[in-house]
Amino acid sequence: MKLSIYLIVLAVIINTAYSLYTHGHNGRPNCITRIELEQRNWRNNFDPTRYWICSKERVPATEAKCPDQQFFIGTKNKCVPISEWVWTPPVDPPSLA
């Protein structure tokens, strides 16, 4: 009985974590919400050396590349030296391109 409750709770936690990310999507926003335009930079879910920039409303984000030896980190919303970079689970922007 305890094992089945544990498995159900574990399944709910995993499902919640993965529901914040569309599997197989690179994270490119459509730049149609205020949050997307205010945050401006968004993580590329496939390549930590690249990120997306929302620069104009209703125009899908353009791709940018971090300087050499740097990765984009979503928690700081900027490129940082590789030694400071920590992987975090991907999260979708409000709209996807």
Protein backbone atom coordinates (compact mmCIF):
# COMPACT_ATOMS: atom_id res chain seq x y z
CA MET A 1 0.00 0.00 0.00
CA LYS A 2 2.77 2.44 0.95
CA LEU A 3 4.63 1.59 -2.24
CA SER A 4 1.64 2.36 -4.44
CA ILE A 5 1.11 5.73 -2.72
CA TYR A 6 4.80 6.51 -3.16
CA LEU A 7 4.63 5.65 -6.87
CA ILE A 8 1.54 7.81 -7.39
CA VAL A 9 3.18 10.79 -5.66
CA LEU A 10 6.35 10.28 -7.71
CA ALA A 11 4.33 10.15 -10.95
CA VAL A 12 2.55 13.40 -10.08
CA ILE A 13 5.86 15.15 -9.34
CA ILE A 14 7.44 13.98 -12.59
CA ASN A 15 4.36 14.93 -14.60
CA THR A 16 4.31 18.42 -13.06
CA ALA A 17 8.00 18.98 -13.83
CA TYR A 18 7.61 17.92 -17.46
CA SER A 19 4.40 19.87 -18.01
CA LEU A 20 6.44 23.12 -17.90
CA TYR A 21 8.30 22.06 -21.05
CA THR A 22 7.11 20.98 -24.50
CA HIS A 23 9.30 17.97 -25.21
CA GLY A 24 11.38 18.47 -28.35
CA HIS A 25 10.86 22.25 -28.59
CA ASN A 26 13.89 24.55 -28.72
CA GLY A 27 12.28 27.20 -26.50
CA ARG A 28 11.97 29.90 -29.18
CA PRO A 29 9.27 32.37 -28.10
CA ASN A 30 6.79 34.07 -30.42
CA CYS A 31 7.32 37.36 -28.56
CA ILE A 32 3.63 38.14 -28.22
CA THR A 33 3.35 38.57 -24.46
CA ARG A 34 4.55 41.43 -22.28
CA ILE A 35 6.70 39.04 -20.22
CA GLU A 36 8.52 37.78 -23.31
CA LEU A 37 9.34 41.33 -24.41
CA GLU A 38 10.34 42.50 -20.92
CA GLN A 39 12.57 39.50 -20.20
CA ARG A 40 13.95 39.78 -23.76
CA ASN A 41 16.44 36.87 -23.59
CA TRP A 42 15.24 33.26 -23.52
CA ARG A 43 17.07 29.97 -23.20
CA ASN A 44 17.67 27.77 -26.23
CA ASN A 45 16.67 24.34 -24.94
CA PHE A 46 18.99 22.49 -27.36
CA ASP A 47 22.24 24.51 -27.14
CA PRO A 48 23.54 26.25 -23.99
CA THR A 49 25.84 28.47 -26.09
CA ARG A 50 22.82 30.04 -27.79
CA TYR A 51 19.73 31.93 -26.66
CA TRP A 52 16.69 33.72 -28.13
CA ILE A 53 16.11 37.49 -28.18
CA CYS A 54 12.63 39.04 -28.30
CA SER A 55 13.20 42.46 -29.81
CA LYS A 56 9.90 43.22 -31.52
CA GLU A 57 6.30 42.42 -30.62
CA ARG A 58 4.66 39.65 -32.65
CA VAL A 59 7.93 38.73 -34.38
CA PRO A 60 9.42 35.37 -33.38
CA ALA A 61 12.67 35.64 -31.41
CA THR A 62 16.00 35.72 -33.20
CA GLU A 63 18.91 33.52 -32.21
CA ALA A 64 22.06 34.89 -30.57
CA LYS A 65 25.30 33.22 -29.52
CA CYS A 66 27.19 33.63 -26.26
CA PRO A 67 30.85 34.68 -26.39
CA ASP A 68 33.43 31.88 -26.50
CA GLN A 69 33.73 29.88 -23.27
CA GLN A 70 30.30 31.03 -22.04
CA PHE A 71 26.87 29.42 -21.71
CA PHE A 72 23.47 31.08 -21.36
CA ILE A 73 21.88 30.59 -17.94
CA GLY A 74 18.16 31.26 -17.65
CA THR A 75 18.22 31.97 -13.91
CA LYS A 76 20.47 34.98 -14.53
CA ASN A 77 19.11 35.66 -18.02
CA LYS A 78 22.59 36.14 -19.48
CA CYS A 79 25.74 34.38 -20.67
CA VAL A 80 28.16 33.33 -17.93
CA PRO A 81 31.55 31.56 -17.90
CA ILE A 82 31.16 27.81 -18.28
CA SER A 83 32.52 27.31 -14.74
CA GLU A 84 29.50 29.25 -13.34
CA TRP A 85 26.89 27.53 -15.51
CA VAL A 86 24.50 25.03 -13.90
CA TRP A 87 21.99 22.97 -15.87
CA THR A 88 18.34 23.54 -14.98
CA PRO A 89 15.27 21.84 -16.46
CA PRO A 90 13.91 23.68 -19.52
CA VAL A 91 10.77 25.78 -19.13
CA ASP A 92 8.66 27.02 -22.04
CA PRO A 93 8.20 30.73 -22.63
CA PRO A 94 4.54 31.89 -22.56
CA SER A 95 4.22 31.46 -26.35
CA LEU A 96 6.15 29.13 -28.64
CA ALA A 97 7.23 29.94 -32.21
